[in-house]
Amino acid sequence: MLKGSCYCGAIEFALDSPPTMMGTCHCSRCRKAGASAIVFVKKDTLSWIKGKDNVQAFAPEAPYKYPRCFCKTCGTSLGEILSEEDSFPISANAFDDELPIKNGFHEHVNEKPSWYEICDPKDPSAEG
């Protein structure tokens, strides 16, 4: 079981199986929300320990369509933790436990700021 929480502890949740993948979103929206590092979780693996009612969702304006969630008290970014989809992203930084997964992709790289350098280590198994 992997546990996660917000900064102030008002929100606590757990996953009963590891995330399916991890990535980094470089869009300005995710960067502003402080949720660029994301993990995808399956809805049926998420359980609430406390504080689900303390999660606030910010609904974006078009063309964006996915609401971003955060703690009403401390502002910790929680990704799309209230999503009704079968799989959705949660901010990797909201986890208290070490995640058993590594960054596997980057998206919206064209919006990446010039000061940020993508420097993920190469996977030796991918080399021929």
N, C-alpha and C. Protein backbone atom coordinates (compact mmCIF):
# COMPACT_ATOMS: atom_id res chain seq x y z
N MET A 1 0.83 -1.18 0.00
CA MET A 1 0.00 0.00 0.00
C MET A 1 0.88 1.24 0.00
N LEU A 2 0.54 2.20 -0.85
CA LEU A 2 1.25 3.47 -0.92
C LEU A 2 0.37 4.56 -0.34
N LYS A 3 0.92 5.33 0.58
CA LYS A 3 0.15 6.41 1.20
C LYS A 3 0.57 7.76 0.67
N GLY A 4 -0.40 8.68 0.66
CA GLY A 4 -0.14 10.03 0.23
C GLY A 4 -0.94 11.00 1.08
N SER A 5 -0.56 12.27 1.01
CA SER A 5 -1.25 13.28 1.81
C SER A 5 -0.93 14.66 1.27
N CYS A 6 -1.62 15.64 1.83
CA CYS A 6 -1.30 17.03 1.52
C CYS A 6 -0.28 17.52 2.56
N TYR A 7 0.21 18.71 2.37
CA TYR A 7 1.24 19.28 3.24
C TYR A 7 0.77 19.43 4.69
N CYS A 8 -0.49 19.86 4.88
CA CYS A 8 -0.97 20.10 6.25
C CYS A 8 -1.55 18.86 6.91
N GLY A 9 -1.74 17.77 6.16
CA GLY A 9 -2.24 16.53 6.72
C GLY A 9 -3.76 16.42 6.77
N ALA A 10 -4.47 17.42 6.25
CA ALA A 10 -5.94 17.36 6.24
C ALA A 10 -6.46 16.28 5.29
N ILE A 11 -5.66 15.95 4.28
CA ILE A 11 -6.04 14.95 3.28
C ILE A 11 -5.05 13.80 3.35
N GLU A 12 -5.59 12.58 3.41
CA GLU A 12 -4.77 11.37 3.35
C GLU A 12 -5.48 10.36 2.46
N PHE A 13 -4.70 9.68 1.64
CA PHE A 13 -5.24 8.67 0.74
C PHE A 13 -4.24 7.54 0.61
N ALA A 14 -4.67 6.45 0.00
CA ALA A 14 -3.77 5.31 -0.20
C ALA A 14 -4.11 4.62 -1.51
N LEU A 15 -3.10 3.95 -2.06
CA LEU A 15 -3.28 3.10 -3.24
C LEU A 15 -2.97 1.68 -2.82
N ASP A 16 -3.80 0.72 -3.23
CA ASP A 16 -3.50 -0.66 -2.88
C ASP A 16 -2.70 -1.39 -3.96
N SER A 17 -2.36 -0.68 -5.04
CA SER A 17 -1.40 -1.20 -6.02
C SER A 17 -0.67 -0.01 -6.63
N PRO A 18 0.53 -0.22 -7.14
CA PRO A 18 1.34 0.89 -7.62
C PRO A 18 0.74 1.58 -8.84
N PRO A 19 1.15 2.83 -9.07
CA PRO A 19 0.73 3.55 -10.27
C PRO A 19 1.15 2.79 -11.52
N THR A 20 0.43 3.01 -12.62
CA THR A 20 0.73 2.31 -13.86
C THR A 20 1.86 2.96 -14.65
N MET A 21 2.04 4.28 -14.51
CA MET A 21 3.14 4.96 -15.19
C MET A 21 3.37 6.33 -14.55
N MET A 22 4.56 6.86 -14.82
CA MET A 22 4.95 8.18 -14.31
C MET A 22 5.45 9.01 -15.48
N GLY A 23 5.14 10.29 -15.46
CA GLY A 23 5.62 11.17 -16.50
C GLY A 23 5.73 12.60 -15.99
N THR A 24 6.21 13.45 -16.87
CA THR A 24 6.34 14.87 -16.56
C THR A 24 5.62 15.67 -17.62
N CYS A 25 4.71 16.53 -17.18
CA CYS A 25 4.00 17.41 -18.09
C CYS A 25 4.66 18.79 -18.01
N HIS A 26 4.98 19.34 -19.15
CA HIS A 26 5.67 20.63 -19.18
C HIS A 26 4.75 21.78 -19.58
N CYS A 27 3.43 21.53 -19.67
CA CYS A 27 2.53 22.62 -20.05
C CYS A 27 2.52 23.69 -18.95
N SER A 28 2.24 24.90 -19.35
CA SER A 28 2.26 26.01 -18.38
C SER A 28 1.24 25.80 -17.27
N ARG A 29 0.15 25.16 -17.58
CA ARG A 29 -0.90 24.93 -16.59
C ARG A 29 -0.42 24.00 -15.48
N CYS A 30 0.18 22.87 -15.83
CA CYS A 30 0.69 21.94 -14.81
C CYS A 30 1.85 22.56 -14.03
N ARG A 31 2.70 23.30 -14.73
CA ARG A 31 3.81 23.94 -14.03
C ARG A 31 3.31 24.95 -13.00
N LYS A 32 2.31 25.73 -13.35
CA LYS A 32 1.76 26.72 -12.41
C LYS A 32 1.10 26.03 -11.22
N ALA A 33 0.47 24.89 -11.45
CA ALA A 33 -0.19 24.15 -10.36
C ALA A 33 0.81 23.39 -9.50
N GLY A 34 2.06 23.33 -9.92
CA GLY A 34 3.07 22.60 -9.15
C GLY A 34 2.89 21.11 -9.24
N ALA A 35 2.36 20.66 -10.37
CA ALA A 35 2.06 19.23 -10.52
C ALA A 35 2.63 18.67 -11.81
N SER A 36 3.85 19.02 -12.15
CA SER A 36 4.44 18.54 -13.40
C SER A 36 4.77 17.06 -13.36
N ALA A 37 5.23 16.56 -12.22
CA ALA A 37 5.53 15.13 -12.09
C ALA A 37 4.24 14.42 -11.68
N ILE A 38 3.77 13.53 -12.55
CA ILE A 38 2.49 12.88 -12.32
C ILE A 38 2.62 11.36 -12.42
N VAL A 39 1.77 10.69 -11.68
CA VAL A 39 1.66 9.23 -11.80
C VAL A 39 0.21 8.92 -12.14
N PHE A 40 0.02 7.91 -12.97
CA PHE A 40 -1.33 7.50 -13.33
C PHE A 40 -1.76 6.35 -12.44
N VAL A 41 -2.94 6.49 -11.85
CA VAL A 41 -3.47 5.48 -10.95
C VAL A 41 -4.81 4.98 -11.48
N LYS A 42 -5.15 3.78 -11.08
CA LYS A 42 -6.46 3.23 -11.43
C LYS A 42 -7.44 3.60 -10.31
N LYS A 43 -8.60 4.07 -10.72
CA LYS A 43 -9.62 4.53 -9.77
C LYS A 43 -9.91 3.51 -8.68
N ASP A 44 -10.00 2.24 -9.05
CA ASP A 44 -10.38 1.21 -8.07
C ASP A 44 -9.26 0.86 -7.09
N THR A 45 -8.07 1.46 -7.26
CA THR A 45 -6.98 1.22 -6.30
C THR A 45 -6.87 2.32 -5.25
N LEU A 46 -7.60 3.43 -5.45
CA LEU A 46 -7.53 4.58 -4.56
C LEU A 46 -8.55 4.46 -3.43
N SER A 47 -8.08 4.67 -2.21
CA SER A 47 -9.00 4.73 -1.07
C SER A 47 -8.68 5.99 -0.26
N TRP A 48 -9.71 6.55 0.33
CA TRP A 48 -9.57 7.76 1.13
C TRP A 48 -9.43 7.38 2.60
N ILE A 49 -8.42 7.92 3.26
CA ILE A 49 -8.24 7.74 4.69
C ILE A 49 -8.97 8.86 5.41
N LYS A 50 -8.75 10.09 4.92
CA LYS A 50 -9.49 11.24 5.46
C LYS A 50 -9.35 12.43 4.51
N GLY A 51 -10.29 13.35 4.62
CA GLY A 51 -10.16 14.63 3.96
C GLY A 51 -10.66 14.76 2.53
N LYS A 52 -11.36 13.78 2.01
CA LYS A 52 -11.86 13.91 0.63
C LYS A 52 -12.71 15.18 0.50
N ASP A 53 -13.44 15.53 1.55
CA ASP A 53 -14.26 16.74 1.52
C ASP A 53 -13.43 18.02 1.59
N ASN A 54 -12.13 17.90 1.83
CA ASN A 54 -11.24 19.05 1.87
C ASN A 54 -10.53 19.27 0.52
N VAL A 55 -10.88 18.46 -0.48
CA VAL A 55 -10.31 18.61 -1.82
C VAL A 55 -11.16 19.60 -2.61
N GLN A 56 -10.51 20.58 -3.19
CA GLN A 56 -11.18 21.58 -4.04
C GLN A 56 -10.74 21.33 -5.48
N ALA A 57 -11.66 21.40 -6.41
CA ALA A 57 -11.34 21.24 -7.83
C ALA A 57 -11.42 22.59 -8.53
N PHE A 58 -10.43 22.87 -9.34
CA PHE A 58 -10.40 24.09 -10.15
C PHE A 58 -10.77 23.70 -11.58
N ALA A 59 -11.90 24.18 -12.06
CA ALA A 59 -12.35 23.87 -13.41
C ALA A 59 -11.74 24.88 -14.39
N PRO A 60 -11.05 24.39 -15.39
CA PRO A 60 -10.37 25.28 -16.33
C PRO A 60 -11.31 25.84 -17.40
N GLU A 61 -10.82 26.87 -18.08
CA GLU A 61 -11.53 27.41 -19.24
C GLU A 61 -11.02 26.69 -20.47
N ALA A 62 -11.86 26.64 -21.50
CA ALA A 62 -11.48 26.01 -22.77
C ALA A 62 -10.20 26.66 -23.30
N PRO A 63 -9.33 25.93 -23.92
CA PRO A 63 -9.51 24.59 -24.46
C PRO A 63 -9.20 23.49 -23.45
N TYR A 64 -8.76 23.84 -22.25
CA TYR A 64 -8.45 22.84 -21.24
C TYR A 64 -9.74 22.21 -20.73
N LYS A 65 -9.68 20.92 -20.38
CA LYS A 65 -10.90 20.27 -19.95
C LYS A 65 -10.80 19.50 -18.64
N TYR A 66 -9.61 19.29 -18.12
CA TYR A 66 -9.47 18.50 -16.90
C TYR A 66 -9.31 19.38 -15.67
N PRO A 67 -10.19 19.20 -14.68
CA PRO A 67 -10.05 19.98 -13.45
C PRO A 67 -8.81 19.55 -12.66
N ARG A 68 -8.21 20.49 -12.00
CA ARG A 68 -7.05 20.22 -11.14
C ARG A 68 -7.50 20.35 -9.69
N CYS A 69 -7.08 19.40 -8.87
CA CYS A 69 -7.51 19.37 -7.48
C CYS A 69 -6.37 19.81 -6.56
N PHE A 70 -6.77 20.38 -5.42
CA PHE A 70 -5.80 20.81 -4.43
C PHE A 70 -6.47 20.82 -3.06
N CYS A 71 -5.65 20.87 -2.01
CA CYS A 71 -6.16 20.93 -0.64
C CYS A 71 -6.69 22.34 -0.39
N LYS A 72 -7.90 22.45 0.14
CA LYS A 72 -8.51 23.75 0.46
C LYS A 72 -7.72 24.50 1.53
N THR A 73 -7.04 23.76 2.40
CA THR A 73 -6.34 24.38 3.52
C THR A 73 -4.94 24.85 3.16
N CYS A 74 -4.12 23.94 2.60
CA CYS A 74 -2.72 24.29 2.36
C CYS A 74 -2.35 24.49 0.89
N GLY A 75 -3.24 24.10 -0.03
CA GLY A 75 -2.99 24.31 -1.45
C GLY A 75 -2.19 23.23 -2.14
N THR A 76 -1.85 22.14 -1.45
CA THR A 76 -1.08 21.07 -2.09
C THR A 76 -1.79 20.59 -3.35
N SER A 77 -1.05 20.52 -4.44
CA SER A 77 -1.59 20.05 -5.71
C SER A 77 -1.76 18.54 -5.67
N LEU A 78 -2.95 18.07 -6.10
CA LEU A 78 -3.26 16.65 -6.05
C LEU A 78 -3.61 16.07 -7.41
N GLY A 79 -3.36 16.81 -8.47
CA GLY A 79 -3.66 16.31 -9.81
C GLY A 79 -5.16 16.22 -10.04
N GLU A 80 -5.61 15.09 -10.56
CA GLU A 80 -7.03 14.89 -10.85
C GLU A 80 -7.64 13.84 -9.92
N ILE A 81 -7.31 13.92 -8.65
CA ILE A 81 -7.65 12.88 -7.68
C ILE A 81 -9.16 12.65 -7.51
N LEU A 82 -10.00 13.58 -7.92
CA LEU A 82 -11.46 13.38 -7.83
C LEU A 82 -12.06 12.86 -9.14
N SER A 83 -11.23 12.53 -10.09
CA SER A 83 -11.71 12.09 -11.40
C SER A 83 -12.59 10.85 -11.29
N GLU A 84 -13.55 10.76 -12.19
CA GLU A 84 -14.41 9.57 -12.28
C GLU A 84 -13.93 8.63 -13.39
N GLU A 85 -12.84 8.98 -14.06
CA GLU A 85 -12.27 8.13 -15.10
C GLU A 85 -11.70 6.86 -14.47
N ASP A 86 -11.50 5.82 -15.27
CA ASP A 86 -10.92 4.57 -14.77
C ASP A 86 -9.46 4.74 -14.36
N SER A 87 -8.75 5.65 -15.04
CA SER A 87 -7.34 5.94 -14.75
C SER A 87 -7.15 7.45 -14.85
N PHE A 88 -6.37 8.00 -13.95
CA PHE A 88 -6.17 9.46 -13.94
C PHE A 88 -4.84 9.80 -13.25
N PRO A 89 -4.33 11.01 -13.49
CA PRO A 89 -3.06 11.41 -12.89
C PRO A 89 -3.22 12.06 -11.51
N ILE A 90 -2.28 11.72 -10.65
CA ILE A 90 -2.14 12.35 -9.33
C ILE A 90 -0.72 12.92 -9.29
N SER A 91 -0.56 14.04 -8.62
CA SER A 91 0.77 14.62 -8.46
C SER A 91 1.67 13.64 -7.72
N ALA A 92 2.81 13.32 -8.31
CA ALA A 92 3.76 12.38 -7.68
C ALA A 92 4.26 12.93 -6.35
N ASN A 93 4.31 14.24 -6.22
CA ASN A 93 4.80 14.86 -4.98
C ASN A 93 3.85 14.72 -3.81
N ALA A 94 2.62 14.26 -4.04
CA ALA A 94 1.66 14.09 -2.95
C ALA A 94 1.85 12.77 -2.20
N PHE A 95 2.73 11.91 -2.70
CA PHE A 95 2.93 10.61 -2.04
C PHE A 95 3.95 10.72 -0.93
N ASP A 96 3.64 10.07 0.19
CA ASP A 96 4.55 10.04 1.34
C ASP A 96 5.55 8.90 1.19
N ASP A 97 5.10 7.80 0.58
CA ASP A 97 5.95 6.63 0.40
C ASP A 97 6.73 6.74 -0.90
N GLU A 98 7.86 6.05 -0.94
CA GLU A 98 8.67 5.98 -2.15
C GLU A 98 7.88 5.30 -3.26
N LEU A 99 7.84 5.90 -4.41
CA LEU A 99 7.11 5.31 -5.53
C LEU A 99 7.99 4.28 -6.24
N PRO A 100 7.45 3.11 -6.54
CA PRO A 100 8.22 2.04 -7.18
C PRO A 100 8.21 2.15 -8.70
N ILE A 101 8.35 3.36 -9.21
CA ILE A 101 8.24 3.61 -10.64
C ILE A 101 9.13 4.79 -11.00
N LYS A 102 9.61 4.82 -12.21
CA LYS A 102 10.47 5.92 -12.68
C LYS A 102 9.77 6.69 -13.79
N ASN A 103 10.21 7.91 -14.00
CA ASN A 103 9.66 8.75 -15.05
C ASN A 103 9.83 8.06 -16.40
N GLY A 104 8.71 7.94 -17.14
CA GLY A 104 8.77 7.22 -18.41
C GLY A 104 8.45 8.06 -19.63
N PHE A 105 7.96 9.29 -19.44
CA PHE A 105 7.64 10.13 -20.60
C PHE A 105 7.59 11.60 -20.21
N HIS A 106 7.67 12.44 -21.23
CA HIS A 106 7.52 13.89 -21.10
C HIS A 106 6.48 14.31 -22.12
N GLU A 107 5.55 15.18 -21.71
CA GLU A 107 4.56 15.68 -22.65
C GLU A 107 4.56 17.20 -22.64
N HIS A 108 4.08 17.77 -23.73
CA HIS A 108 4.04 19.22 -23.92
C HIS A 108 5.43 19.84 -23.78
N VAL A 109 6.41 19.14 -24.31
CA VAL A 109 7.79 19.59 -24.24
C VAL A 109 7.96 20.94 -24.95
N ASN A 110 7.12 21.21 -25.94
CA ASN A 110 7.21 22.49 -26.65
C ASN A 110 6.87 23.68 -25.74
N GLU A 111 6.25 23.44 -24.59
CA GLU A 111 5.95 24.51 -23.64
C GLU A 111 6.96 24.57 -22.49
N LYS A 112 7.95 23.70 -22.52
CA LYS A 112 8.97 23.64 -21.47
C LYS A 112 9.76 24.95 -21.44
N PRO A 113 10.00 25.51 -20.25
CA PRO A 113 10.81 26.72 -20.17
C PRO A 113 12.26 26.42 -20.55
N SER A 114 12.94 27.41 -21.09
CA SER A 114 14.31 27.22 -21.56
C SER A 114 15.28 26.86 -20.43
N TRP A 115 14.97 27.26 -19.21
CA TRP A 115 15.86 26.99 -18.09
C TRP A 115 15.78 25.55 -17.59
N TYR A 116 14.76 24.79 -18.04
CA TYR A 116 14.62 23.41 -17.59
C TYR A 116 15.21 22.46 -18.62
N GLU A 117 16.13 21.62 -18.17
CA GLU A 117 16.76 20.64 -19.05
C GLU A 117 16.25 19.25 -18.69
N ILE A 118 15.73 18.54 -19.68
CA ILE A 118 15.29 17.16 -19.45
C ILE A 118 16.54 16.31 -19.36
N CYS A 119 16.73 15.67 -18.22
CA CYS A 119 17.97 14.92 -18.01
C CYS A 119 17.71 13.57 -17.37
N ASP A 120 16.60 12.92 -17.76
CA ASP A 120 16.33 11.58 -17.25
C ASP A 120 17.47 10.66 -17.65
N PRO A 121 17.86 9.75 -16.76
CA PRO A 121 18.90 8.79 -17.14
C PRO A 121 18.37 7.86 -18.23
N LYS A 122 19.25 7.48 -19.11
CA LYS A 122 18.88 6.54 -20.17
C LYS A 122 18.68 5.16 -19.58
N ASP A 123 17.70 4.45 -20.11
CA ASP A 123 17.43 3.08 -19.69
C ASP A 123 18.41 2.16 -20.43
N PRO A 124 19.36 1.54 -19.72
CA PRO A 124 20.35 0.68 -20.40
C PRO A 124 19.71 -0.48 -21.15
N SER A 125 18.56 -0.94 -20.73
CA SER A 125 17.91 -2.06 -21.41
C SER A 125 17.35 -1.64 -22.78
N ALA A 126 17.19 -0.32 -23.00
CA ALA A 126 16.64 0.17 -24.26
C ALA A 126 17.72 0.29 -25.34
N GLU A 127 18.97 0.22 -24.94
CA GLU A 127 20.07 0.36 -25.91
C GLU A 127 20.36 -0.99 -26.56
N GLY A 128 20.65 -0.95 -27.86
CA GLY A 128 20.87 -2.18 -28.61
C GLY A 128 22.25 -2.62 -28.56
